[in-house]
N, C-alpha and C. Protein backbone atom coordinates (compact mmCIF):
# COMPACT_ATOMS: atom_id res chain seq x y z
N MET A 1 -33.98 -10.50 4.05
CA MET A 1 -32.64 -9.51 3.88
C MET A 1 -31.13 -10.19 3.29
N ARG A 2 -30.52 -9.61 3.15
CA ARG A 2 -29.44 -9.72 2.33
C ARG A 2 -28.17 -8.69 1.98
N TYR A 3 -26.84 -9.93 2.84
CA TYR A 3 -26.06 -9.11 3.07
C TYR A 3 -25.16 -8.53 1.40
N ARG A 4 -24.94 -7.33 1.71
CA ARG A 4 -24.42 -7.08 0.10
C ARG A 4 -23.52 -5.94 0.71
N PRO A 5 -21.69 -6.76 0.82
CA PRO A 5 -20.22 -5.95 1.12
C PRO A 5 -20.22 -4.66 0.52
N ASN A 6 -20.37 -2.74 1.11
CA ASN A 6 -19.73 -1.96 0.30
C ASN A 6 -17.98 -2.40 -0.53
N PRO A 7 -18.25 -1.97 -1.47
CA PRO A 7 -16.89 -2.35 -2.37
C PRO A 7 -16.01 -1.45 -1.85
N ALA A 8 -16.32 0.09 -1.53
CA ALA A 8 -16.03 1.69 -1.22
C ALA A 8 -15.10 0.97 -0.12
N PHE A 9 -15.83 0.22 1.43
CA PHE A 9 -15.60 0.47 2.56
C PHE A 9 -14.32 1.04 3.23
N GLU A 10 -13.27 0.53 2.46
CA GLU A 10 -12.13 0.08 2.81
C GLU A 10 -11.45 2.14 2.71
N LYS A 11 -11.50 1.73 1.10
CA LYS A 11 -11.51 3.41 1.26
C LYS A 11 -11.75 4.40 1.70
N GLN A 12 -13.08 4.56 2.17
CA GLN A 12 -14.03 5.14 2.69
C GLN A 12 -13.50 5.57 4.14
N TRP A 13 -13.03 4.31 4.80
CA TRP A 13 -13.11 3.87 6.20
C TRP A 13 -11.32 4.62 6.23
N ARG A 14 -10.31 4.24 5.67
CA ARG A 14 -9.08 5.69 5.71
C ARG A 14 -9.49 6.50 5.42
N LYS A 15 -9.88 7.17 5.08
CA LYS A 15 -10.47 8.79 4.72
C LYS A 15 -10.87 9.55 6.08
N SER A 16 -11.80 8.45 6.89
CA SER A 16 -12.82 9.12 8.02
C SER A 16 -11.65 9.64 8.99
N PRO A 17 -11.76 10.97 10.03
CA PRO A 17 -11.22 11.56 10.40
C PRO A 17 -10.08 10.73 11.54
N GLU A 18 -10.98 9.97 12.04
CA GLU A 18 -10.57 9.30 13.21
C GLU A 18 -9.66 7.96 12.97
N VAL A 19 -9.83 7.67 11.67
CA VAL A 19 -8.48 6.68 11.30
C VAL A 19 -7.14 8.05 10.51
N VAL A 20 -7.58 8.50 10.25
CA VAL A 20 -6.59 9.30 9.74
C VAL A 20 -6.19 10.23 11.21
N GLY A 21 -6.62 10.01 11.85
CA GLY A 21 -5.98 11.18 13.12
C GLY A 21 -5.08 10.11 13.51
N GLU A 22 -5.65 8.70 14.10
CA GLU A 22 -4.86 8.07 14.61
C GLU A 22 -3.92 7.49 13.86
N ILE A 23 -4.00 7.21 12.50
CA ILE A 23 -2.38 6.64 11.54
C ILE A 23 -1.62 7.93 11.86
N ASN A 24 -1.93 9.35 12.00
CA ASN A 24 -0.98 10.24 12.17
C ASN A 24 0.09 10.17 13.23
N ARG A 25 -1.15 10.24 14.50
CA ARG A 25 -0.40 9.71 15.82
C ARG A 25 0.38 8.95 16.21
N ARG A 26 0.14 7.53 15.22
CA ARG A 26 1.17 6.38 15.25
C ARG A 26 2.27 6.65 14.47
N THR A 27 2.39 7.49 13.46
CA THR A 27 2.99 8.04 12.49
C THR A 27 4.63 8.66 13.51
N VAL A 28 4.09 9.52 14.57
CA VAL A 28 4.90 10.66 14.91
C VAL A 28 5.57 9.58 16.25
N VAL A 29 4.69 8.12 16.88
CA VAL A 29 5.32 7.17 18.01
C VAL A 29 6.42 6.77 17.25
N LEU A 30 6.04 6.04 15.57
CA LEU A 30 6.97 5.78 15.26
C LEU A 30 7.93 6.19 14.66
N ALA A 31 8.46 7.49 14.48
CA ALA A 31 9.41 8.40 14.49
C ALA A 31 10.28 8.87 15.45
N GLY A 32 9.18 8.40 16.48
CA GLY A 32 10.40 8.41 18.29
C GLY A 32 10.74 7.24 18.09
N TYR A 33 10.54 5.99 17.33
CA TYR A 33 11.48 4.77 17.84
C TYR A 33 12.71 5.10 17.27
N ILE A 34 12.02 5.45 16.02
CA ILE A 34 13.49 5.46 14.75
C ILE A 34 14.51 6.74 15.47
N LYS A 35 13.99 7.99 15.95
CA LYS A 35 15.17 8.54 16.49
C LYS A 35 16.08 7.89 17.41
N THR A 36 14.95 7.05 18.67
CA THR A 36 16.01 6.77 19.34
C THR A 36 16.91 5.03 19.11
N ALA A 37 16.55 4.44 17.91
CA ALA A 37 16.76 3.68 17.11
C ALA A 37 18.79 4.14 16.59
N ALA A 38 18.26 5.83 16.04
CA ALA A 38 19.69 6.08 16.17
C ALA A 38 20.18 7.22 16.54
N LEU A 39 20.37 6.48 17.82
CA LEU A 39 20.99 7.75 18.90
C LEU A 39 22.73 8.13 18.67
N PRO A 40 22.62 9.03 18.61
CA PRO A 40 24.06 9.43 17.90
C PRO A 40 25.12 8.65 18.50
N SER A 41 26.08 8.23 17.38
CA SER A 41 27.68 7.94 18.10
C SER A 41 28.64 9.26 18.42
N ARG A 42 28.48 9.97 17.70
CA ARG A 42 29.58 11.11 18.10
C ARG A 42 28.46 12.24 18.64
N ASN A 43 27.48 12.05 19.40
CA ASN A 43 26.83 12.58 20.18
C ASN A 43 26.44 14.21 19.22
N THR A 44 26.10 13.71 17.64
CA THR A 44 26.20 15.47 17.09
C THR A 44 24.26 15.21 17.36
N GLY A 45 23.71 14.19 16.78
CA GLY A 45 22.50 14.52 16.48
C GLY A 45 21.75 14.54 15.39
N TYR A 46 22.90 14.65 14.55
CA TYR A 46 22.51 15.30 12.78
C TYR A 46 21.55 14.49 12.62
N TYR A 47 21.90 13.36 12.40
CA TYR A 47 20.62 12.47 11.37
C TYR A 47 19.31 12.30 12.20
N MET A 48 19.24 12.53 13.80
CA MET A 48 18.15 12.03 14.24
C MET A 48 16.89 13.42 14.00
N ARG A 49 18.03 14.64 13.60
CA ARG A 49 17.14 16.09 13.82
C ARG A 49 16.53 16.46 12.53
N ARG A 50 16.97 14.92 11.35
CA ARG A 50 16.23 15.43 10.33
C ARG A 50 15.36 13.96 10.10
N ILE A 51 14.89 13.29 10.91
CA ILE A 51 13.67 12.07 10.76
C ILE A 51 12.57 13.17 11.53
N VAL A 52 11.46 13.13 10.44
CA VAL A 52 10.18 13.91 10.53
C VAL A 52 9.02 13.21 10.34
N PRO A 53 8.26 13.02 10.87
CA PRO A 53 7.16 12.84 10.62
C PRO A 53 6.15 13.98 9.90
N VAL A 54 5.62 13.36 8.73
CA VAL A 54 4.94 14.07 8.28
C VAL A 54 3.96 13.71 7.63
N GLY A 55 2.35 13.22 7.95
CA GLY A 55 1.68 13.40 7.31
C GLY A 55 1.43 11.60 7.90
N ASN A 56 0.92 10.34 7.19
CA ASN A 56 1.53 9.38 7.55
C ASN A 56 2.06 8.58 7.41
N ARG A 57 3.47 9.40 7.35
CA ARG A 57 5.00 8.72 6.64
C ARG A 57 6.24 9.58 7.53
N VAL A 58 7.09 9.19 7.13
CA VAL A 58 8.08 9.70 8.27
C VAL A 58 9.11 9.40 7.50
N ARG A 59 9.81 10.36 7.21
CA ARG A 59 10.86 11.35 6.37
C ARG A 59 12.55 11.43 7.17
N THR A 60 12.95 11.09 6.45
CA THR A 60 14.69 11.36 6.68
C THR A 60 14.84 12.44 5.77
N LYS A 61 15.49 13.39 6.28
CA LYS A 61 16.01 15.09 4.98
C LYS A 61 16.97 14.82 5.39
N ASP A 62 18.12 13.32 5.78
CA ASP A 62 19.06 13.33 5.31
C ASP A 62 19.52 12.73 3.86
N ASN A 63 20.12 13.56 3.17
CA ASN A 63 20.50 12.99 1.98
C ASN A 63 21.60 11.40 1.74
N PHE A 64 21.70 11.60 3.17
CA PHE A 64 23.02 10.51 3.17
C PHE A 64 22.43 9.60 3.78
N TRP A 65 21.05 9.08 4.03
CA TRP A 65 20.44 8.24 5.00
C TRP A 65 20.83 6.58 4.74
N HIS A 66 20.66 6.68 3.19
CA HIS A 66 20.66 5.19 2.51
C HIS A 66 21.97 4.58 3.50
N LEU A 67 23.34 5.54 3.46
CA LEU A 67 24.93 5.03 4.13
C LEU A 67 24.11 4.56 5.29
N VAL A 68 23.72 5.27 6.30
CA VAL A 68 23.06 4.90 7.57
C VAL A 68 22.75 3.58 8.04
N GLU A 69 21.54 3.29 7.20
CA GLU A 69 20.65 2.55 6.81
C GLU A 69 20.95 1.19 5.95
N MET A 70 21.50 1.10 5.27
CA MET A 70 22.36 -0.07 4.60
C MET A 70 24.31 -0.05 4.56
N GLY A 71 24.63 0.70 5.23
CA GLY A 71 25.78 0.57 5.34
C GLY A 71 26.44 1.09 4.08
N SER A 72 28.22 0.89 4.36
CA SER A 72 28.89 1.06 2.64
C SER A 72 30.00 0.16 2.94
N VAL A 73 31.11 0.34 2.42
CA VAL A 73 32.36 -0.39 2.61
C VAL A 73 33.10 0.23 3.57
N ASN A 74 32.78 1.80 3.96
CA ASN A 74 33.46 1.72 5.61
C ASN A 74 32.63 1.87 6.52
N ASN A 75 31.20 1.13 6.28
CA ASN A 75 30.73 1.69 7.34
C ASN A 75 29.51 0.40 7.89
N PRO A 76 29.23 0.36 8.84
CA PRO A 76 28.40 -1.35 9.13
C PRO A 76 26.79 -0.55 8.82
N PRO A 77 26.01 -1.95 8.50
CA PRO A 77 24.59 -1.05 8.65
C PRO A 77 24.10 -1.08 9.56
N TYR A 78 23.29 0.71 9.86
CA TYR A 78 22.90 0.48 11.60
C TYR A 78 21.72 0.10 11.48
N ARG A 79 21.07 0.51 10.21
CA ARG A 79 19.37 0.02 10.13
C ARG A 79 18.49 0.82 11.17
N PRO A 80 18.41 2.09 11.41
CA PRO A 80 17.36 2.99 12.43
C PRO A 80 15.92 2.54 12.19
N VAL A 81 15.88 2.57 10.88
CA VAL A 81 14.63 2.85 10.21
C VAL A 81 13.90 1.05 10.44
N LYS A 82 14.87 0.17 10.03
CA LYS A 82 14.64 -1.08 10.61
C LYS A 82 14.14 -1.24 11.58
N ARG A 83 14.97 -1.05 12.42
CA ARG A 83 14.97 -1.92 14.17
C ARG A 83 13.90 -0.66 14.64
N GLY A 84 13.69 0.91 14.03
CA GLY A 84 12.77 1.51 14.64
C GLY A 84 11.64 0.93 14.66
N ALA A 85 11.30 0.65 13.42
CA ALA A 85 10.16 -0.08 12.87
C ALA A 85 9.62 -1.67 13.64
N ILE A 86 10.38 -1.78 13.91
CA ILE A 86 10.15 -3.06 14.82
C ILE A 86 9.99 -3.09 16.27
N ALA A 87 10.90 -2.06 16.40
CA ALA A 87 10.48 -2.01 18.16
C ALA A 87 9.33 -1.02 18.29
N SER A 88 8.57 -0.87 17.27
CA SER A 88 7.32 0.11 17.79
C SER A 88 5.86 -0.83 17.07
N GLY A 89 6.46 -2.14 16.91
CA GLY A 89 5.69 -3.35 16.45
C GLY A 89 5.13 -3.56 15.33
N LEU A 90 6.00 -2.74 14.66
CA LEU A 90 5.59 -3.06 12.90
C LEU A 90 6.00 -4.50 12.43
N ARG A 91 6.01 -4.63 11.73
CA ARG A 91 6.19 -5.77 10.53
C ARG A 91 7.06 -4.99 9.47
N PHE A 92 8.38 -5.09 9.46
CA PHE A 92 9.60 -4.47 8.47
C PHE A 92 9.74 -5.61 7.35
N GLU A 93 9.38 -5.17 6.20
CA GLU A 93 9.50 -5.85 4.91
C GLU A 93 10.30 -5.24 3.96
N ASP A 94 11.07 -5.45 3.88
CA ASP A 94 12.38 -4.94 2.45
C ASP A 94 12.69 -5.92 1.58
N PRO A 95 11.68 -5.46 0.14
CA PRO A 95 11.55 -6.94 -0.51
C PRO A 95 13.23 -6.57 -1.31
N GLY A 96 14.24 -5.39 -0.88
CA GLY A 96 15.14 -5.97 -1.98
C GLY A 96 16.25 -6.75 -1.25
N ARG A 97 15.88 -6.66 0.09
CA ARG A 97 17.34 -7.15 1.19
C ARG A 97 16.66 -8.32 1.91
N PRO A 98 17.11 -9.58 1.77
CA PRO A 98 16.79 -10.41 2.67
C PRO A 98 16.80 -10.09 4.30
N GLY A 99 16.27 -10.82 4.85
CA GLY A 99 16.27 -10.96 6.94
C GLY A 99 16.42 -9.49 6.94
């Protein structure tokens, strides 16, 4: 008997309904952590309402998300996406910024 690995295993595995369902469930959990990290400072909740899970991604529908995440000359970087990802147990890697 000889073992031959299936080169398409990972591709097939990622498409299985169980894996897709679990990834989508974890995406909803991640969106919750990001919303918690983005608690509104002025009690408007504008940014929080624009964080939505879509399939296997979390999207922010705020046009100025980058100012909230990375800051500007007038605002500090709040980093709700990074802090939410870390709080949910994920490793956050941003190749464009150190630390």
